[in-house]
Amino acid sequence: LFLEAAVIVLALLWAGTLAFVLRYVRQQRELALQQAERDAVRDRRILELVKRVDHYQQSAVRVGDEVHELRAILAPLPDRLVQLEQRDPSNLSFAQAAKLVGMGATVDE
């Protein structure tokens, strides 16, 4: 009788352990699926951010190129302005007039 009771108890413990293990395995599968979904969302977000950074870098390079072109265009302008001012001394430029007024000259001068 004692042996039969021990076998029944062991069988119940084995069934309980089996149920626990099966439930644990099922939970682990569900967690793995959820993690895979989160990983996929994260990977899509990373790809989107990489595209945005690439676009930003390309835009910055284009702006830099345009600034470089503008510098090349604007660099000779001060020299050209001086040349124009020196060609006709009777015709004062606005810059020269502003300098004279800043030094205290009157409008008539």
PDB file of N, CA and C in Angstrom:
ATOM      1  N   LEU A   1       0.812  -1.188   0.000  1.00  0.00           N
ATOM      2  CA  LEU A   1       0.000   0.000   0.000  1.00  0.00           C
ATOM      3  C   LEU A   1       0.862   1.262   0.000  1.00  0.00           C
ATOM      4  N   PHE A   2       1.902   1.229   0.823  1.00  0.00           N
ATOM      5  CA  PHE A   2       2.792   2.377   0.884  1.00  0.00           C
ATOM      6  C   PHE A   2       3.475   2.607  -0.448  1.00  0.00           C
ATOM      7  N   LEU A   3       3.894   1.520  -1.109  1.00  0.00           N
ATOM      8  CA  LEU A   3       4.559   1.641  -2.403  1.00  0.00           C
ATOM      9  C   LEU A   3       3.612   2.181  -3.455  1.00  0.00           C
ATOM     10  N   GLU A   4       2.373   1.753  -3.407  1.00  0.00           N
ATOM     11  CA  GLU A   4       1.396   2.254  -4.382  1.00  0.00           C
ATOM     12  C   GLU A   4       1.161   3.750  -4.185  1.00  0.00           C
ATOM     13  N   ALA A   5       1.110   4.184  -2.944  1.00  0.00           N
ATOM     14  CA  ALA A   5       0.921   5.610  -2.651  1.00  0.00           C
ATOM     15  C   ALA A   5       2.130   6.403  -3.117  1.00  0.00           C
ATOM     16  N   ALA A   6       3.335   5.870  -2.904  1.00  0.00           N
ATOM     17  CA  ALA A   6       4.557   6.548  -3.333  1.00  0.00           C
ATOM     18  C   ALA A   6       4.597   6.658  -4.846  1.00  0.00           C
ATOM     19  N   VAL A   7       4.186   5.599  -5.543  1.00  0.00           N
ATOM     20  CA  VAL A   7       4.163   5.630  -7.011  1.00  0.00           C
ATOM     21  C   VAL A   7       3.153   6.667  -7.493  1.00  0.00           C
ATOM     22  N   ILE A   8       2.005   6.728  -6.848  1.00  0.00           N
ATOM     23  CA  ILE A   8       0.981   7.708  -7.238  1.00  0.00           C
ATOM     24  C   ILE A   8       1.498   9.128  -7.008  1.00  0.00           C
ATOM     25  N   VAL A   9       2.136   9.339  -5.852  1.00  0.00           N
ATOM     26  CA  VAL A   9       2.691  10.672  -5.553  1.00  0.00           C
ATOM     27  C   VAL A   9       3.762  11.024  -6.574  1.00  0.00           C
ATOM     28  N   LEU A  10       4.648  10.088  -6.877  1.00  0.00           N
ATOM     29  CA  LEU A  10       5.699  10.344  -7.874  1.00  0.00           C
ATOM     30  C   LEU A  10       5.094  10.615  -9.248  1.00  0.00           C
ATOM     31  N   ALA A  11       4.040   9.885  -9.606  1.00  0.00           N
ATOM     32  CA  ALA A  11       3.380  10.102 -10.897  1.00  0.00           C
ATOM     33  C   ALA A  11       2.767  11.492 -10.948  1.00  0.00           C
ATOM     34  N   LEU A  12       2.142  11.907  -9.838  1.00  0.00           N
ATOM     35  CA  LEU A  12       1.562  13.251  -9.788  1.00  0.00           C
ATOM     36  C   LEU A  12       2.654  14.320  -9.874  1.00  0.00           C
ATOM     37  N   LEU A  13       3.749  14.110  -9.145  1.00  0.00           N
ATOM     38  CA  LEU A  13       4.870  15.055  -9.220  1.00  0.00           C
ATOM     39  C   LEU A  13       5.439  15.112 -10.637  1.00  0.00           C
ATOM     40  N   TRP A  14       5.566  13.950 -11.267  1.00  0.00           N
ATOM     41  CA  TRP A  14       6.085  13.914 -12.641  1.00  0.00           C
ATOM     42  C   TRP A  14       5.139  14.651 -13.579  1.00  0.00           C
ATOM     43  N   ALA A  15       3.830  14.445 -13.445  1.00  0.00           N
ATOM     44  CA  ALA A  15       2.843  15.116 -14.295  1.00  0.00           C
ATOM     45  C   ALA A  15       2.884  16.623 -14.055  1.00  0.00           C
ATOM     46  N   GLY A  16       3.004  17.028 -12.788  1.00  0.00           N
ATOM     47  CA  GLY A  16       3.100  18.458 -12.469  1.00  0.00           C
ATOM     48  C   GLY A  16       4.353  19.077 -13.058  1.00  0.00           C
ATOM     49  N   THR A  17       5.466  18.357 -12.928  1.00  0.00           N
ATOM     50  CA  THR A  17       6.725  18.852 -13.493  1.00  0.00           C
ATOM     51  C   THR A  17       6.630  18.952 -15.007  1.00  0.00           C
ATOM     52  N   LEU A  18       6.030  17.946 -15.634  1.00  0.00           N
ATOM     53  CA  LEU A  18       5.870  17.965 -17.087  1.00  0.00           C
ATOM     54  C   LEU A  18       5.003  19.143 -17.520  1.00  0.00           C
ATOM     55  N   ALA A  19       3.919  19.389 -16.802  1.00  0.00           N
ATOM     56  CA  ALA A  19       3.043  20.518 -17.128  1.00  0.00           C
ATOM     57  C   ALA A  19       3.797  21.839 -16.956  1.00  0.00           C
ATOM     58  N   PHE A  20       4.568  21.936 -15.875  1.00  0.00           N
ATOM     59  CA  PHE A  20       5.350  23.144 -15.636  1.00  0.00           C
ATOM     60  C   PHE A  20       6.362  23.373 -16.756  1.00  0.00           C
ATOM     61  N   VAL A  21       7.070  22.314 -17.147  1.00  0.00           N
ATOM     62  CA  VAL A  21       8.081  22.430 -18.211  1.00  0.00           C
ATOM     63  C   VAL A  21       7.425  22.810 -19.533  1.00  0.00           C
ATOM     64  N   LEU A  22       6.294  22.183 -19.858  1.00  0.00           N
ATOM     65  CA  LEU A  22       5.610  22.512 -21.116  1.00  0.00           C
ATOM     66  C   LEU A  22       5.134  23.970 -21.121  1.00  0.00           C
ATOM     67  N   ARG A  23       4.584  24.425 -19.988  1.00  0.00           N
ATOM     68  CA  ARG A  23       4.148  25.820 -19.908  1.00  0.00           C
ATOM     69  C   ARG A  23       5.342  26.771 -20.030  1.00  0.00           C
ATOM     70  N   TYR A  24       6.442  26.415 -19.386  1.00  0.00           N
ATOM     71  CA  TYR A  24       7.652  27.235 -19.451  1.00  0.00           C
ATOM     72  C   TYR A  24       8.179  27.317 -20.883  1.00  0.00           C
ATOM     73  N   VAL A  25       8.192  26.193 -21.585  1.00  0.00           N
ATOM     74  CA  VAL A  25       8.666  26.173 -22.978  1.00  0.00           C
ATOM     75  C   VAL A  25       7.759  27.035 -23.850  1.00  0.00           C
ATOM     76  N   ARG A  26       6.438  26.946 -23.643  1.00  0.00           N
ATOM     77  CA  ARG A  26       5.494  27.755 -24.417  1.00  0.00           C
ATOM     78  C   ARG A  26       5.720  29.248 -24.145  1.00  0.00           C
ATOM     79  N   GLN A  27       5.929  29.604 -22.887  1.00  0.00           N
ATOM     80  CA  GLN A  27       6.191  31.001 -22.543  1.00  0.00           C
ATOM     81  C   GLN A  27       7.488  31.496 -23.189  1.00  0.00           C
ATOM     82  N   GLN A  28       8.489  30.629 -23.200  1.00  0.00           N
ATOM     83  CA  GLN A  28       9.759  31.024 -23.818  1.00  0.00           C
ATOM     84  C   GLN A  28       9.593  31.258 -25.317  1.00  0.00           C
ATOM     85  N   ARG A  29       8.785  30.429 -25.971  1.00  0.00           N
ATOM     86  CA  ARG A  29       8.520  30.632 -27.404  1.00  0.00           C
ATOM     87  C   ARG A  29       7.813  31.961 -27.631  1.00  0.00           C
ATOM     88  N   GLU A  30       6.800  32.244 -26.789  1.00  0.00           N
ATOM     89  CA  GLU A  30       6.074  33.509 -26.923  1.00  0.00           C
ATOM     90  C   GLU A  30       7.002  34.698 -26.698  1.00  0.00           C
ATOM     91  N   LEU A  31       7.853  34.587 -25.690  1.00  0.00           N
ATOM     92  CA  LEU A  31       8.809  35.664 -25.436  1.00  0.00           C
ATOM     93  C   LEU A  31       9.777  35.835 -26.604  1.00  0.00           C
ATOM     94  N   ALA A  32      10.199  34.718 -27.188  1.00  0.00           N
ATOM     95  CA  ALA A  32      11.103  34.793 -28.337  1.00  0.00           C
ATOM     96  C   ALA A  32      10.417  35.465 -29.524  1.00  0.00           C
ATOM     97  N   LEU A  33       9.132  35.157 -29.747  1.00  0.00           N
ATOM     98  CA  LEU A  33       8.391  35.805 -30.837  1.00  0.00           C
ATOM     99  C   LEU A  33       8.235  37.305 -30.582  1.00  0.00           C
ATOM    100  N   GLN A  34       7.912  37.656 -29.348  1.00  0.00           N
ATOM    101  CA  GLN A  34       7.783  39.075 -29.012  1.00  0.00           C
ATOM    102  C   GLN A  34       9.114  39.802 -29.194  1.00  0.00           C
ATOM    103  N   GLN A  35      10.187  39.155 -28.775  1.00  0.00           N
ATOM    104  CA  GLN A  35      11.511  39.759 -28.939  1.00  0.00           C
ATOM    105  C   GLN A  35      11.850  39.920 -30.415  1.00  0.00           C
ATOM    106  N   ALA A  36      11.494  38.934 -31.227  1.00  0.00           N
ATOM    107  CA  ALA A  36      11.753  39.027 -32.668  1.00  0.00           C
ATOM    108  C   ALA A  36      10.973  40.184 -33.283  1.00  0.00           C
ATOM    109  N   GLU A  37       9.728  40.375 -32.836  1.00  0.00           N
ATOM    110  CA  GLU A  37       8.931  41.504 -33.338  1.00  0.00           C
ATOM    111  C   GLU A  37       9.562  42.834 -32.935  1.00  0.00           C
ATOM    112  N   ARG A  38       9.992  42.935 -31.680  1.00  0.00           N
ATOM    113  CA  ARG A  38      10.639  44.175 -31.222  1.00  0.00           C
ATOM    114  C   ARG A  38      11.937  44.418 -31.985  1.00  0.00           C
ATOM    115  N   ASP A  39      12.684  43.339 -32.234  1.00  0.00           N
ATOM    116  CA  ASP A  39      13.929  43.475 -32.996  1.00  0.00           C
ATOM    117  C   ASP A  39      13.656  43.960 -34.414  1.00  0.00           C
ATOM    118  N   ALA A  40      12.588  43.438 -35.022  1.00  0.00           N
ATOM    119  CA  ALA A  40      12.247  43.859 -36.385  1.00  0.00           C
ATOM    120  C   ALA A  40      11.866  45.335 -36.414  1.00  0.00           C
ATOM    121  N   VAL A  41      11.093  45.776 -35.429  1.00  0.00           N
ATOM    122  CA  VAL A  41      10.717  47.196 -35.350  1.00  0.00           C
ATOM    123  C   VAL A  41      11.961  48.052 -35.149  1.00  0.00           C
ATOM    124  N   ARG A  42      12.841  47.621 -34.253  1.00  0.00           N
ATOM    125  CA  ARG A  42      14.081  48.358 -34.001  1.00  0.00           C
ATOM    126  C   ARG A  42      14.943  48.428 -35.254  1.00  0.00           C
ATOM    127  N   ASP A  43      15.062  47.312 -35.973  1.00  0.00           N
ATOM    128  CA  ASP A  43      15.868  47.291 -37.196  1.00  0.00           C
ATOM    129  C   ASP A  43      15.294  48.225 -38.257  1.00  0.00           C
ATOM    130  N   ARG A  44      13.961  48.248 -38.393  1.00  0.00           N
ATOM    131  CA  ARG A  44      13.337  49.176 -39.354  1.00  0.00           C
ATOM    132  C   ARG A  44      13.615  50.617 -38.962  1.00  0.00           C
ATOM    133  N   ARG A  45      13.529  50.899 -37.681  1.00  0.00           N
ATOM    134  CA  ARG A  45      13.797  52.265 -37.193  1.00  0.00           C
ATOM    135  C   ARG A  45      15.257  52.643 -37.446  1.00  0.00           C
ATOM    136  N   ILE A  46      16.158  51.721 -37.217  1.00  0.00           N
ATOM    137  CA  ILE A  46      17.580  51.990 -37.471  1.00  0.00           C
ATOM    138  C   ILE A  46      17.802  52.280 -38.941  1.00  0.00           C
ATOM    139  N   LEU A  47      17.191  51.484 -39.821  1.00  0.00           N
ATOM    140  CA  LEU A  47      17.341  51.732 -41.258  1.00  0.00           C
ATOM    141  C   LEU A  47      16.780  53.095 -41.646  1.00  0.00           C
ATOM    142  N   GLU A  48      15.647  53.453 -41.062  1.00  0.00           N
ATOM    143  CA  GLU A  48      15.062  54.771 -41.338  1.00  0.00           C
ATOM    144  C   GLU A  48      16.003  55.886 -40.881  1.00  0.00           C
ATOM    145  N   LEU A  49      16.588  55.722 -39.702  1.00  0.00           N
ATOM    146  CA  LEU A  49      17.517  56.731 -39.197  1.00  0.00           C
ATOM    147  C   LEU A  49      18.784  56.803 -40.040  1.00  0.00           C
ATOM    148  N   VAL A  50      19.257  55.664 -40.521  1.00  0.00           N
ATOM    149  CA  VAL A  50      20.438  55.659 -41.396  1.00  0.00           C
ATOM    150  C   VAL A  50      20.142  56.429 -42.676  1.00  0.00           C
ATOM    151  N   LYS A  51      18.951  56.215 -43.234  1.00  0.00           N
ATOM    152  CA  LYS A  51      18.573  56.954 -44.446  1.00  0.00           C
ATOM    153  C   LYS A  51      18.507  58.447 -44.173  1.00  0.00           C
ATOM    154  N   ARG A  52      17.950  58.819 -43.027  1.00  0.00           N
ATOM    155  CA  ARG A  52      17.852  60.243 -42.689  1.00  0.00           C
ATOM    156  C   ARG A  52      19.231  60.857 -42.497  1.00  0.00           C
ATOM    157  N   VAL A  53      20.130  60.130 -41.846  1.00  0.00           N
ATOM    158  CA  VAL A  53      21.488  60.645 -41.649  1.00  0.00           C
ATOM    159  C   VAL A  53      22.196  60.785 -42.990  1.00  0.00           C
ATOM    160  N   ASP A  54      22.034  59.803 -43.876  1.00  0.00           N
ATOM    161  CA  ASP A  54      22.641  59.900 -45.206  1.00  0.00           C
ATOM    162  C   ASP A  54      22.108  61.112 -45.955  1.00  0.00           C
ATOM    163  N   HIS A  55      20.803  61.328 -45.885  1.00  0.00           N
ATOM    164  CA  HIS A  55      20.205  62.487 -46.552  1.00  0.00           C
ATOM    165  C   HIS A  55      20.759  63.784 -45.961  1.00  0.00           C
ATOM    166  N   TYR A  56      20.878  63.822 -44.638  1.00  0.00           N
ATOM    167  CA  TYR A  56      21.419  65.006 -43.970  1.00  0.00           C
ATOM    168  C   TYR A  56      22.863  65.252 -44.407  1.00  0.00           C
ATOM    169  N   GLN A  57      23.668  64.203 -44.481  1.00  0.00           N
ATOM    170  CA  GLN A  57      25.058  64.351 -44.900  1.00  0.00           C
ATOM    171  C   GLN A  57      25.143  64.834 -46.339  1.00  0.00           C
ATOM    172  N   GLN A  58      24.321  64.271 -47.207  1.00  0.00           N
ATOM    173  CA  GLN A  58      24.330  64.708 -48.603  1.00  0.00           C
ATOM    174  C   GLN A  58      23.920  66.166 -48.713  1.00  0.00           C
ATOM    175  N   SER A  59      22.933  66.571 -47.929  1.00  0.00           N
ATOM    176  CA  SER A  59      22.501  67.971 -47.936  1.00  0.00           C
ATOM    177  C   SER A  59      23.623  68.876 -47.440  1.00  0.00           C
ATOM    178  N   ALA A  60      24.308  68.459 -46.399  1.00  0.00           N
ATOM    179  CA  ALA A  60      25.409  69.260 -45.864  1.00  0.00           C
ATOM    180  C   ALA A  60      26.529  69.391 -46.889  1.00  0.00           C
ATOM    181  N   VAL A  61      26.813  68.320 -47.610  1.00  0.00           N
ATOM    182  CA  VAL A  61      27.852  68.371 -48.638  1.00  0.00           C
ATOM    183  C   VAL A  61      27.437  69.323 -49.750  1.00  0.00           C
ATOM    184  N   ARG A  62      26.168  69.257 -50.173  1.00  0.00           N
ATOM    185  CA  ARG A  62      25.688  70.168 -51.222  1.00  0.00           C
ATOM    186  C   ARG A  62      25.779  71.618 -50.774  1.00  0.00           C
ATOM    187  N   VAL A  63      25.382  71.882 -49.531  1.00  0.00           N
ATOM    188  CA  VAL A  63      25.465  73.249 -49.015  1.00  0.00           C
ATOM    189  C   VAL A  63      26.922  73.700 -48.972  1.00  0.00           C
ATOM    190  N   GLY A  64      27.808  72.821 -48.545  1.00  0.00           N
ATOM    191  CA  GLY A  64      29.235  73.156 -48.523  1.00  0.00           C
ATOM    192  C   GLY A  64      29.765  73.470 -49.911  1.00  0.00           C
ATOM    193  N   ASP A  65      29.353  72.686 -50.895  1.00  0.00           N
ATOM    194  CA  ASP A  65      29.780  72.951 -52.273  1.00  0.00           C
ATOM    195  C   ASP A  65      29.266  74.302 -52.751  1.00  0.00           C
ATOM    196  N   GLU A  66      28.018  74.606 -52.427  1.00  0.00           N
ATOM    197  CA  GLU A  66      27.450  75.889 -52.846  1.00  0.00           C
ATOM    198  C   GLU A  66      28.153  77.051 -52.153  1.00  0.00           C
ATOM    199  N   VAL A  67      28.485  76.897 -50.874  1.00  0.00           N
ATOM    200  CA  VAL A  67      29.224  77.945 -50.165  1.00  0.00           C
ATOM    201  C   VAL A  67      30.592  78.139 -50.802  1.00  0.00           C
ATOM    202  N   HIS A  68      31.237  77.052 -51.158  1.00  0.00           N
ATOM    203  CA  HIS A  68      32.545  77.137 -51.812  1.00  0.00           C
ATOM    204  C   HIS A  68      32.427  77.881 -53.142  1.00  0.00           C
ATOM    205  N   GLU A  69      31.396  77.572 -53.921  1.00  0.00           N
ATOM    206  CA  GLU A  69      31.180  78.268 -55.192  1.00  0.00           C
ATOM    207  C   GLU A  69      30.921  79.753 -54.959  1.00  0.00           C
ATOM    208  N   LEU A  70      30.115  80.071 -53.940  1.00  0.00           N
ATOM    209  CA  LEU A  70      29.841  81.481 -53.644  1.00  0.00           C
ATOM    210  C   LEU A  70      31.101  82.218 -53.213  1.00  0.00           C
ATOM    211  N   ARG A  71      31.948  81.574 -52.446  1.00  0.00           N
ATOM    212  CA  ARG A  71      33.218  82.204 -52.062  1.00  0.00           C
ATOM    213  C   ARG A  71      34.064  82.493 -53.287  1.00  0.00           C
ATOM    214  N   ALA A  72      34.089  81.538 -54.213  1.00  0.00           N
ATOM    215  CA  ALA A  72      34.873  81.747 -55.434  1.00  0.00           C
ATOM    216  C   ALA A  72      34.316  82.917 -56.237  1.00  0.00           C
ATOM    217  N   ILE A  73      32.993  83.072 -56.237  1.00  0.00           N
ATOM    218  CA  ILE A  73      32.375  84.177 -56.981  1.00  0.00           C
ATOM    219  C   ILE A  73      32.608  85.503 -56.264  1.00  0.00           C
ATOM    220  N   LEU A  74      32.485  85.509 -54.937  1.00  0.00           N
ATOM    221  CA  LEU A  74      32.562  86.750 -54.174  1.00  0.00           C
ATOM    222  C   LEU A  74      33.982  87.195 -53.850  1.00  0.00           C
ATOM    223  N   ALA A  75      34.948  86.313 -53.917  1.00  0.00           N
ATOM    224  CA  ALA A  75      36.321  86.660 -53.543  1.00  0.00           C
ATOM    225  C   ALA A  75      36.877  87.834 -54.347  1.00  0.00           C
ATOM    226  N   PRO A  76      36.699  87.903 -55.660  1.00  0.00           N
ATOM    227  CA  PRO A  76      37.287  89.021 -56.404  1.00  0.00           C
ATOM    228  C   PRO A  76      36.492  90.324 -56.315  1.00  0.00           C
ATOM    229  N   LEU A  77      35.319  90.333 -55.720  1.00  0.00           N
ATOM    230  CA  LEU A  77      34.484  91.534 -55.692  1.00  0.00           C
ATOM    231  C   LEU A  77      35.126  92.718 -54.970  1.00  0.00           C
ATOM    232  N   PRO A  78      35.774  92.564 -53.816  1.00  0.00           N
ATOM    233  CA  PRO A  78      36.403  93.739 -53.193  1.00  0.00           C
ATOM    234  C   PRO A  78      37.462  94.381 -54.092  1.00  0.00           C
ATOM    235  N   ASP A  79      38.267  93.557 -54.761  1.00  0.00           N
ATOM    236  CA  ASP A  79      39.282  94.105 -55.670  1.00  0.00           C
ATOM    237  C   ASP A  79      38.624  94.819 -56.839  1.00  0.00           C
ATOM    238  N   ARG A  80      37.564  94.252 -57.370  1.00  0.00           N
ATOM    239  CA  ARG A  80      36.863  94.901 -58.485  1.00  0.00           C
ATOM    240  C   ARG A  80      36.246  96.219 -58.043  1.00  0.00           C
ATOM    241  N   LEU A  81      35.720  96.270 -56.825  1.00  0.00           N
ATOM    242  CA  LEU A  81      35.141  97.505 -56.309  1.00  0.00           C
ATOM    243  C   LEU A  81      36.211  98.584 -56.182  1.00  0.00           C
ATOM    244  N   VAL A  82      37.375  98.207 -55.675  1.00  0.00           N
ATOM    245  CA  VAL A  82      38.482  99.167 -55.567  1.00  0.00           C
ATOM    246  C   VAL A  82      38.881  99.658 -56.948  1.00  0.00           C
ATOM    247  N   GLN A  83      38.955  98.767 -57.917  1.00  0.00           N
ATOM    248  CA  GLN A  83      39.307  99.174 -59.286  1.00  0.00           C
ATOM    249  C   GLN A  83      38.283 100.154 -59.837  1.00  0.00           C
ATOM    250  N   LEU A  84      37.001  99.891 -59.616  1.00  0.00           N
ATOM    251  CA  LEU A  84      35.964 100.798 -60.103  1.00  0.00           C
ATOM    252  C   LEU A  84      36.055 102.158 -59.418  1.00  0.00           C
ATOM    253  N   GLU A  85      36.362 102.166 -58.133  1.00  0.00           N
ATOM    254  CA  GLU A  85      36.483 103.427 -57.413  1.00  0.00           C
ATOM    255  C   GLU A  85      37.676 104.228 -57.900  1.00  0.00           C
ATOM    256  N   GLN A  86      38.732 103.551 -58.282  1.00  0.00           N
ATOM    257  CA  GLN A  86      39.941 104.248 -58.716  1.00  0.00           C
ATOM    258  C   GLN A  86      39.848 104.739 -60.150  1.00  0.00           C
ATOM    259  N   ARG A  87      38.962 104.205 -60.944  1.00  0.00           N
ATOM    260  CA  ARG A  87      38.837 104.619 -62.339  1.00  0.00           C
ATOM    261  C   ARG A  87      38.323 106.046 -62.472  1.00  0.00           C
ATOM    262  N   ASP A  88      37.335 106.419 -61.685  1.00  0.00           N
ATOM    263  CA  ASP A  88      36.723 107.746 -61.785  1.00  0.00           C
ATOM    264  C   ASP A  88      36.749 108.402 -60.406  1.00  0.00           C
ATOM    265  N   PRO A  89      37.823 109.132 -60.099  1.00  0.00           N
ATOM    266  CA  PRO A  89      37.939 109.720 -58.761  1.00  0.00           C
ATOM    267  C   PRO A  89      36.883 110.779 -58.479  1.00  0.00           C
ATOM    268  N   SER A  90      36.288 111.391 -59.505  1.00  0.00           N
ATOM    269  CA  SER A  90      35.272 112.414 -59.253  1.00  0.00           C
ATOM    270  C   SER A  90      33.959 111.794 -58.785  1.00  0.00           C
ATOM    271  N   ASN A  91      33.779 110.532 -59.051  1.00  0.00           N
ATOM    272  CA  ASN A  91      32.550 109.843 -58.667  1.00  0.00           C
ATOM    273  C   ASN A  91      32.833 108.999 -57.418  1.00  0.00           C
ATOM    274  N   LEU A  92      32.515 109.543 -56.254  1.00  0.00           N
ATOM    275  CA  LEU A  92      32.781 108.828 -55.008  1.00  0.00           C
ATOM    276  C   LEU A  92      31.763 107.707 -54.817  1.00  0.00           C
ATOM    277  N   SER A  93      32.244 106.602 -54.344  1.00  0.00           N
ATOM    278  CA  SER A  93      31.327 105.498 -54.062  1.00  0.00           C
ATOM    279  C   SER A  93      30.633 105.731 -52.725  1.00  0.00           C
ATOM    280  N   PHE A  94      29.589 104.996 -52.512  1.00  0.00           N
ATOM    281  CA  PHE A  94      28.861 105.100 -51.250  1.00  0.00           C
ATOM    282  C   PHE A  94      29.772 104.735 -50.083  1.00  0.00           C
ATOM    283  N   ALA A  95      30.632 103.737 -50.283  1.00  0.00           N
ATOM    284  CA  ALA A  95      31.539 103.318 -49.217  1.00  0.00           C
ATOM    285  C   ALA A  95      32.508 104.433 -48.869  1.00  0.00           C
ATOM    286  N   GLN A  96      33.033 105.112 -49.898  1.00  0.00           N
ATOM    287  CA  GLN A  96      33.953 106.218 -49.633  1.00  0.00           C
ATOM    288  C   GLN A  96      33.228 107.367 -48.949  1.00  0.00           C
ATOM    289  N   ALA A  97      32.012 107.658 -49.399  1.00  0.00           N
ATOM    290  CA  ALA A  97      31.237 108.732 -48.783  1.00  0.00           C
ATOM    291  C   ALA A  97      30.936 108.403 -47.326  1.00  0.00           C
ATOM    292  N   ALA A  98      30.607 107.167 -47.046  1.00  0.00           N
ATOM    293  CA  ALA A  98      30.338 106.764 -45.670  1.00  0.00           C
ATOM    294  C   ALA A  98      31.586 106.914 -44.812  1.00  0.00           C
ATOM    295  N   LYS A  99      32.755 106.586 -45.373  1.00  0.00           N
ATOM    296  CA  LYS A  99      34.009 106.753 -44.631  1.00  0.00           C
ATOM    297  C   LYS A  99      34.252 108.220 -44.317  1.00  0.00           C
ATOM    298  N   LEU A 100      34.026 109.082 -45.313  1.00  0.00           N
ATOM    299  CA  LEU A 100      34.248 110.510 -45.101  1.00  0.00           C
ATOM    300  C   LEU A 100      33.287 111.065 -44.050  1.00  0.00           C
ATOM    301  N   VAL A 101      32.022 110.674 -44.108  1.00  0.00           N
ATOM    302  CA  VAL A 101      31.053 111.130 -43.114  1.00  0.00           C
ATOM    303  C   VAL A 101      31.445 110.617 -41.734  1.00  0.00           C
ATOM    304  N   GLY A 102      31.936 109.404 -41.683  1.00  0.00           N
ATOM    305  CA  GLY A 102      32.386 108.847 -40.411  1.00  0.00           C
ATOM    306  C   GLY A 102      33.558 109.612 -39.835  1.00  0.00           C
ATOM    307  N   MET A 103      34.365 110.221 -40.699  1.00  0.00           N
ATOM    308  CA  MET A 103      35.515 111.003 -40.240  1.00  0.00           C
ATOM    309  C   MET A 103      35.120 112.445 -39.932  1.00  0.00           C
ATOM    310  N   GLY A 104      33.849 112.801 -40.165  1.00  0.00           N
ATOM    311  CA  GLY A 104      33.386 114.129 -39.794  1.00  0.00           C
ATOM    312  C   GLY A 104      33.115 115.051 -40.959  1.00  0.00           C
ATOM    313  N   ALA A 105      33.156 114.571 -42.178  1.00  0.00           N
ATOM    314  CA  ALA A 105      32.907 115.428 -43.339  1.00  0.00           C
ATOM    315  C   ALA A 105      31.425 115.762 -43.424  1.00  0.00           C
ATOM    316  N   THR A 106      31.134 116.904 -44.013  1.00  0.00           N
ATOM    317  CA  THR A 106      29.740 117.294 -44.207  1.00  0.00           C
ATOM    318  C   THR A 106      29.237 116.738 -45.528  1.00  0.00           C
ATOM    319  N   VAL A 107      27.946 116.904 -45.772  1.00  0.00           N
ATOM    320  CA  VAL A 107      27.343 116.391 -47.000  1.00  0.00           C
ATOM    321  C   VAL A 107      27.914 117.117 -48.214  1.00  0.00           C
ATOM    322  N   ASP A 108      28.173 118.415 -48.083  1.00  0.00           N
ATOM    323  CA  ASP A 108      28.708 119.188 -49.213  1.00  0.00           C
ATOM    324  C   ASP A 108      30.123 118.768 -49.574  1.00  0.00           C
ATOM    325  N   GLU A 109      30.898 118.358 -48.603  1.00  0.00           N
ATOM    326  CA  GLU A 109      32.282 117.965 -48.873  1.00  0.00           C
ATOM    327  C   GLU A 109      32.296 116.641 -49.610  1.00  0.00           C
TER     328      GLU A 109
END
